[in-house]
Protein backbone atom coordinates (compact mmCIF):
# COMPACT_ATOMS: atom_id res chain seq x y z
CA MET A 1 -8.85 -33.68 -34.62
CA VAL A 2 -8.17 -36.39 -32.05
CA ALA A 3 -4.22 -35.51 -32.35
CA GLY A 4 -5.02 -32.03 -31.95
CA ALA A 5 -6.73 -32.54 -28.82
CA LYS A 6 -4.21 -34.93 -27.02
CA ARG A 7 -1.41 -32.06 -28.13
CA ARG A 8 -3.38 -29.59 -26.34
CA GLU A 9 -4.12 -32.00 -23.45
CA LEU A 10 -0.32 -32.71 -23.49
CA LYS A 11 0.74 -28.88 -22.96
CA ASP A 12 -1.97 -28.25 -20.51
CA ALA A 13 -0.37 -30.81 -18.32
CA GLN A 14 2.94 -29.46 -19.01
CA ARG A 15 2.18 -26.12 -17.95
CA ARG A 16 0.37 -27.19 -15.08
CA GLN A 17 3.35 -29.22 -13.93
CA GLN A 18 5.73 -26.15 -14.59
CA ARG A 19 3.22 -24.14 -12.36
CA ASP A 20 3.31 -26.86 -9.79
CA GLY A 21 7.16 -26.76 -9.62
CA GLN A 22 7.57 -23.48 -9.41
CA ARG A 23 4.83 -22.91 -6.65
CA LEU A 24 7.14 -25.83 -4.62
CA ARG A 25 10.15 -23.64 -5.29
CA GLN A 26 8.64 -20.34 -4.05
CA GLU A 27 7.29 -22.39 -0.87
CA ASP A 28 10.73 -23.97 -0.45
CA GLY A 29 12.36 -20.47 -0.66
CA VAL A 30 9.77 -18.71 1.86
CA SER A 31 10.82 -21.63 4.44
CA ARG A 32 14.25 -21.09 4.10
CA ALA A 33 14.01 -17.18 3.97
CA ALA A 34 11.74 -17.33 7.33
CA LEU A 35 14.14 -19.27 8.90
CA VAL A 36 17.24 -16.60 8.22
CA TRP A 37 14.51 -13.99 9.60
CA ASN A 38 13.67 -15.64 13.00
CA GLN A 39 17.16 -17.04 13.52
CA LEU A 40 19.65 -14.42 12.24
CA ILE A 41 18.04 -10.94 11.55
CA LEU A 42 15.13 -10.45 14.00
CA PRO A 43 17.10 -11.65 17.38
CA GLN A 44 19.62 -8.98 16.43
CA TRP A 45 17.08 -6.43 14.80
CA ASP A 46 19.25 -2.98 15.47
CA ALA A 47 22.51 -4.48 14.14
CA THR A 48 21.13 -6.45 11.07
CA LYS A 49 18.34 -4.30 9.55
CA SER A 50 20.87 -2.39 7.48
CA THR A 51 22.86 -5.10 6.27
CA CYS A 52 23.34 -5.94 2.51
CA CYS A 53 21.73 -9.38 3.13
CA THR A 54 18.76 -8.36 5.14
CA ARG A 55 18.23 -5.79 2.15
CA ASP A 56 18.41 -8.23 -0.17
CA LEU A 57 16.19 -10.50 1.55
CA TRP A 58 13.37 -7.64 2.36
CA TRP A 59 13.52 -6.75 -1.38
CA ALA A 60 12.47 -10.40 -2.55
CA GLY A 61 9.49 -9.90 0.12
CA LEU A 62 8.97 -10.80 3.58
CA PRO A 63 8.07 -14.38 4.58
CA PRO A 64 4.26 -14.16 5.74
CA SER A 65 5.18 -15.44 9.38
CA VAL A 66 7.68 -12.76 10.11
CA ARG A 67 5.70 -9.98 8.10
CA GLY A 68 3.59 -8.18 10.94
CA ARG A 69 7.17 -8.66 13.08
CA VAL A 70 9.11 -6.94 10.67
CA TRP A 71 6.38 -3.94 9.93
CA SER A 72 6.06 -3.23 13.42
CA LEU A 73 9.75 -3.09 14.18
CA ALA A 74 10.26 -0.85 10.95
CA ILE A 75 7.25 1.63 11.69
CA GLY A 76 8.55 1.88 15.22
CA ASN A 77 6.48 3.70 17.85
CA GLU A 78 7.90 7.24 17.84
CA LEU A 79 4.35 8.50 19.30
CA ASN A 80 5.00 6.09 22.49
CA VAL A 81 1.59 4.36 21.91
CA THR A 82 0.62 1.92 24.64
CA ALA A 83 -2.02 -0.69 25.22
CA GLU A 84 -3.52 1.39 27.83
CA LEU A 85 -3.87 4.07 25.44
CA TYR A 86 -5.45 2.22 23.18
CA GLU A 87 -8.17 1.04 25.47
CA ILE A 88 -8.66 4.67 26.86
CA PHE A 89 -9.47 5.62 23.07
CA LEU A 90 -11.45 2.73 22.14
CA SER A 91 -13.55 3.61 25.26
CA ARG A 92 -14.49 6.95 24.08
CA ALA A 93 -15.16 5.92 20.67
CA GLN A 94 -17.46 3.32 21.71
CA GLU A 95 -19.20 5.92 24.16
CA LYS A 96 -19.85 8.12 21.31
CA TRP A 97 -20.98 5.73 18.97
CA SER A 98 -23.55 4.60 21.69
CA VAL A 99 -24.72 8.32 21.85
CA ALA A 100 -24.92 8.63 18.27
CA GLU A 101 -27.07 5.41 17.95
CA SER A 102 -29.74 6.51 20.62
CA GLN A 103 -30.22 10.16 19.21
CA ALA A 104 -30.24 8.29 15.45
CA ASP A 105 -27.47 10.71 14.54
CA ASP A 106 -26.60 10.53 10.65
CA GLY A 107 -24.18 13.27 10.72
CA ALA A 108 -21.23 12.76 8.54
CA SER A 109 -18.55 12.68 11.44
CA GLY A 110 -15.37 10.61 11.29
CA LEU A 111 -17.13 7.63 13.41
CA GLU A 112 -20.06 7.48 11.26
CA LEU A 113 -17.87 7.49 8.00
CA ILE A 114 -16.08 4.47 9.85
CA SER A 115 -19.06 2.67 10.24
CA GLN A 116 -20.06 2.86 6.45
CA ASP A 117 -16.43 1.96 5.17
CA VAL A 118 -15.51 -1.01 7.32
CA SER A 119 -17.87 -3.37 5.16
CA ARG A 120 -16.55 -1.96 2.19
CA THR A 121 -13.35 -2.83 3.05
CA PHE A 122 -11.49 -5.81 1.04
CA ARG A 123 -14.92 -7.06 0.17
CA SER A 124 -13.17 -10.28 -1.79
CA LEU A 125 -12.32 -11.26 1.75
CA CYS A 126 -15.59 -11.04 3.27
CA VAL A 127 -13.85 -10.83 6.83
CA PHE A 128 -14.50 -6.94 7.29
CA GLN A 129 -18.11 -7.60 6.20
CA LYS A 130 -20.87 -6.92 8.91
CA ASP A 131 -20.73 -10.28 10.03
CA GLY A 132 -17.25 -11.25 9.43
CA PRO A 133 -14.86 -11.95 12.14
CA TYR A 134 -12.49 -8.69 11.71
CA HIS A 135 -15.48 -6.20 11.45
CA SER A 136 -15.88 -4.82 14.71
CA LEU A 137 -11.96 -5.22 15.27
CA LEU A 138 -11.27 -2.56 12.21
CA GLN A 139 -14.13 -0.62 13.51
CA SER A 140 -12.28 -0.28 16.62
CA ILE A 141 -8.95 0.75 15.65
CA LEU A 142 -10.34 3.16 13.26
CA GLY A 143 -12.92 4.75 15.94
CA ALA A 144 -10.25 4.66 18.52
CA TYR A 145 -7.65 6.65 16.17
CA VAL A 146 -10.43 9.25 15.45
CA CYS A 147 -10.45 9.85 19.19
CA PHE A 148 -6.51 9.62 19.70
CA ARG A 149 -6.14 12.07 16.86
CA PRO A 150 -9.00 14.27 16.25
CA ASP A 151 -6.43 16.83 14.52
CA VAL A 152 -6.39 13.91 11.72
CA GLY A 153 -9.77 12.53 11.94
CA TYR A 154 -10.85 9.79 9.34
CA VAL A 155 -10.81 9.81 5.50
CA GLN A 156 -11.72 7.27 3.21
CA GLY A 157 -8.95 4.81 2.12
CA MET A 158 -7.52 4.76 6.02
CA SER A 159 -9.52 1.75 6.66
CA SER A 160 -7.52 -0.18 4.13
CA ILE A 161 -4.44 0.49 5.76
CA ALA A 162 -5.75 -0.72 9.14
CA ALA A 163 -7.19 -3.82 7.63
CA MET A 164 -3.86 -4.61 6.04
CA LEU A 165 -2.11 -4.15 9.57
CA ILE A 166 -5.07 -6.47 11.14
CA LEU A 167 -4.32 -9.25 8.98
CA ASN A 168 -0.72 -9.31 9.71
CA THR A 169 -0.48 -8.17 13.43
CA ASP A 170 -2.70 -8.35 16.92
CA GLU A 171 -4.98 -5.70 17.96
CA VAL A 172 -3.00 -3.74 19.87
CA GLU A 173 0.23 -3.75 17.44
CA ALA A 174 -2.05 -2.98 14.80
CA PHE A 175 -3.28 0.46 16.30
CA ILE A 176 0.29 1.30 17.76
CA SER A 177 1.68 0.79 14.00
CA PHE A 178 -1.39 2.35 12.13
CA SER A 179 -1.30 5.72 14.45
CA ASN A 180 2.48 5.55 13.67
CA LEU A 181 2.46 5.15 10.04
CA ILE A 182 -0.53 7.61 9.47
CA ASN A 183 1.99 10.06 11.34
CA ARG A 184 4.59 9.84 8.61
CA PRO A 185 5.04 13.19 6.68
CA CYS A 186 3.45 11.80 3.56
CA GLN A 187 0.75 9.73 4.78
CA LEU A 188 0.11 12.63 7.12
CA ALA A 189 -0.44 14.98 4.13
CA PHE A 190 -2.62 12.87 2.19
CA CYS A 191 -4.91 11.90 5.47
CA ARG A 192 -5.32 15.47 6.03
CA VAL A 193 -5.83 16.46 2.50
CA ASP A 194 -3.30 18.99 2.82
CA ARG A 195 -3.53 20.44 -0.26
CA GLN A 196 -0.30 22.45 -0.42
CA ARG A 197 1.65 19.87 0.51
CA MET A 198 0.06 17.02 -1.40
CA LEU A 199 0.85 19.52 -4.41
CA ARG A 200 4.67 19.20 -3.85
CA TYR A 201 4.50 15.76 -4.02
CA PHE A 202 2.58 15.54 -7.46
CA VAL A 203 4.93 18.13 -8.68
CA ALA A 204 7.91 16.20 -7.90
CA PHE A 205 6.37 13.03 -9.25
CA GLN A 206 5.23 14.70 -12.48
CA GLU A 207 9.27 15.53 -13.03
CA PHE A 208 10.07 11.85 -12.68
CA VAL A 209 7.34 10.97 -15.02
CA GLN A 210 8.68 13.79 -17.64
CA GLU A 211 12.42 12.38 -17.25
CA VAL A 212 11.76 8.43 -16.97
CA LEU A 213 8.50 8.09 -19.25
CA PRO A 214 8.88 10.84 -21.69
CA ARG A 215 6.26 9.27 -24.51
CA LEU A 216 4.23 8.68 -21.40
CA PHE A 217 4.29 12.15 -20.17
CA LEU A 218 3.30 13.92 -23.32
CA HIS A 219 0.21 11.46 -23.74
CA PHE A 220 -1.04 12.27 -20.22
CA GLN A 221 -0.30 15.81 -20.78
CA SER A 222 -2.44 15.89 -24.13
CA LEU A 223 -5.39 14.20 -22.21
CA GLY A 224 -5.11 16.46 -19.09
CA LEU A 225 -4.32 13.67 -16.90
CA THR A 226 -2.21 14.86 -14.15
CA PRO A 227 -1.02 12.67 -11.53
CA ASP A 228 -3.48 13.78 -8.44
CA LEU A 229 -5.96 11.88 -10.68
CA TYR A 230 -4.37 8.40 -9.80
CA LEU A 231 -1.97 8.96 -7.44
CA MET A 232 -4.49 10.03 -4.79
CA ASP A 233 -5.70 6.98 -4.26
CA TRP A 234 -2.57 5.19 -4.56
CA ILE A 235 -1.01 6.89 -1.84
CA LEU A 236 -3.85 7.12 0.58
CA THR A 237 -4.27 3.63 0.51
CA LEU A 238 -0.87 2.46 0.08
CA TYR A 239 -1.46 0.48 -2.87
CA CYS A 240 -4.24 -1.59 -1.33
CA LYS A 241 -7.06 -0.08 -3.87
CA PRO A 242 -4.98 -0.71 -7.19
CA LEU A 243 -3.16 -3.59 -6.54
CA PRO A 244 -3.96 -7.35 -5.52
CA LEU A 245 -3.49 -7.99 -1.94
CA ASP A 246 -0.43 -10.01 -2.25
CA VAL A 247 1.36 -7.48 -4.45
CA ALA A 248 0.39 -4.99 -2.08
CA CYS A 249 2.07 -6.64 0.91
CA ARG A 250 5.23 -6.98 -1.06
CA VAL A 251 5.22 -3.01 -1.89
CA TRP A 252 4.67 -2.36 1.84
CA ASP A 253 7.54 -4.59 2.54
CA VAL A 254 9.97 -2.43 0.54
CA PHE A 255 8.17 0.65 1.35
CA PHE A 256 8.99 0.17 5.22
CA ARG A 257 12.75 -0.59 4.20
CA ASP A 258 12.85 2.59 1.92
CA GLY A 259 10.81 5.41 3.29
CA GLU A 260 8.13 7.24 1.18
CA GLU A 261 10.31 7.65 -2.06
CA PHE A 262 9.42 3.98 -2.41
CA LEU A 263 5.70 4.75 -2.92
CA PHE A 264 6.53 6.89 -5.71
CA ARG A 265 8.96 4.63 -7.00
CA THR A 266 6.38 2.06 -7.42
CA ALA A 267 4.13 4.57 -9.25
CA LEU A 268 6.74 4.67 -12.11
CA GLY A 269 7.08 1.09 -11.83
CA ILE A 270 3.44 0.56 -12.75
CA LEU A 271 3.09 3.35 -15.31
CA ARG A 272 6.23 1.65 -17.11
CA LEU A 273 4.86 -1.95 -16.64
CA TYR A 274 1.72 -0.66 -18.42
CA ARG A 275 3.41 1.78 -20.60
CA ASP A 276 2.38 0.56 -23.99
CA VAL A 277 -1.33 -0.55 -23.01
CA LEU A 278 -1.87 3.20 -21.64
CA LEU A 279 -0.25 4.72 -24.61
CA HIS A 280 -3.34 3.79 -26.51
CA MET A 281 -6.02 4.62 -24.32
CA ASP A 282 -8.01 7.57 -23.77
CA LEU A 283 -8.47 9.45 -20.42
CA VAL A 284 -11.56 7.64 -19.10
CA SER A 285 -9.98 4.21 -19.89
CA ILE A 286 -6.56 5.31 -18.33
CA ALA A 287 -8.52 6.30 -15.25
CA GLN A 288 -10.49 3.08 -14.90
CA PHE A 289 -7.37 1.08 -15.54
CA LEU A 290 -5.20 2.66 -13.16
CA SER A 291 -8.16 2.78 -10.32
CA ARG A 292 -8.00 -1.10 -10.20
CA LEU A 293 -4.78 -2.93 -12.06
CA PRO A 294 -5.45 -6.48 -13.77
CA ASP A 295 -4.44 -9.36 -11.32
CA GLU A 296 -2.36 -11.17 -13.83
CA GLU A 297 0.03 -14.61 -13.32
CA LEU A 298 3.51 -13.16 -12.01
CA LEU A 299 2.40 -9.32 -11.75
CA SER A 300 4.46 -9.13 -8.25
CA ASP A 301 7.65 -10.21 -9.93
CA ARG A 302 6.80 -8.25 -13.20
CA LEU A 303 6.40 -5.24 -11.60
CA PHE A 304 9.17 -5.38 -9.32
CA SER A 305 11.30 -5.92 -12.52
CA CYS A 306 10.07 -2.57 -13.74
CA ILE A 307 10.58 -0.92 -10.36
CA SER A 308 14.06 -2.35 -10.29
CA ALA A 309 14.75 -0.67 -13.79
CA THR A 310 13.41 2.94 -12.50
CA PRO A 311 16.05 4.62 -10.47
CA MET A 312 14.85 7.63 -8.64
CA LEU A 313 17.08 10.36 -10.26
CA SER A 314 15.67 13.29 -12.30
CA ARG A 315 18.81 15.17 -14.09
CA ASN A 316 21.10 13.82 -11.40
CA ARG A 317 18.87 14.67 -8.59
CA THR A 318 17.57 12.58 -6.01
CA TRP A 319 13.72 12.16 -5.05
CA SER A 320 14.57 14.16 -1.79
CA GLN A 321 16.33 16.95 -3.89
CA VAL A 322 13.55 17.30 -6.51
CA LEU A 323 10.90 17.26 -3.54
CA SER A 324 12.51 19.83 -1.37
CA SER A 325 12.72 22.17 -4.80
CA CYS A 326 9.14 21.90 -5.32
CA ARG A 327 7.04 24.67 -4.41
CA ALA A 328 3.23 24.75 -4.31
CA GLU A 329 2.70 27.59 -6.60
CA ARG A 330 4.21 25.50 -9.29
CA SER A 331 1.67 23.87 -11.87
CA LEU A 332 1.19 20.27 -12.84
CA SER A 333 0.25 21.22 -16.17
């Protein structure tokens, strides 16, 4: 018994040593990558952003110290949003909040919904809760956006996107990036809950599931589980809801490199990663499982291995070709 206990203790010590060694190697790799980004890539962004070296580094995940800067550059500012514009719409939002409070207005407008949602955002971090350091900042950015784009408004899930930007950039840059990110065709369709356009994305994705994961496709079909039942939250929150924060950050990194196609490639990667588990689940269990994926050791590396092994080709057609051929009248069944 004593000998067995000593052997277990030795194995535990060896595992700890391996983990410590791996963490040190990762930290060293991140430091070296940050130097390359800061000294070679970012100073000549337009010339270097599309090189093979940059794209390979990008795939491996951006160092936290440069992540916000790279995200801002990759998102761009097609809407020409400025700091002055942000201040104007922030003032309007604050005025509307003051009026709502003085009149005890409990209506379900975008601003009221924002107030309810902010404290629920990334609860495990605590920074966005009522007395947290970023609570008012997140509320300000979302409120200013609703006044800036009343045609889009606010839907649940948008708070996670703004919060992720706040964690990586300053206030004004977060608003600029958020406004331009939501203006992308895919995000705009989901944030506006444009059912016709969303259905095109769902139908296109369904074709890839059938092509890449045929057994899982048949299992989902037998249960009546269609892509909209899980993809809606995944795309609307850009994976902030189903994935641990560090893994979601890496998904964002490559999304800003590759565009909307990567969001659906990530979805296929998740289904491939958990295929064997999902094949033995019923409808309710699958829905619960996919709403919040387990925070497992080395999840990021395992997921990206599955994504890498999942080319976006269906019958020799690319994602954009499949999407453009889809029509809203086609059924998901």
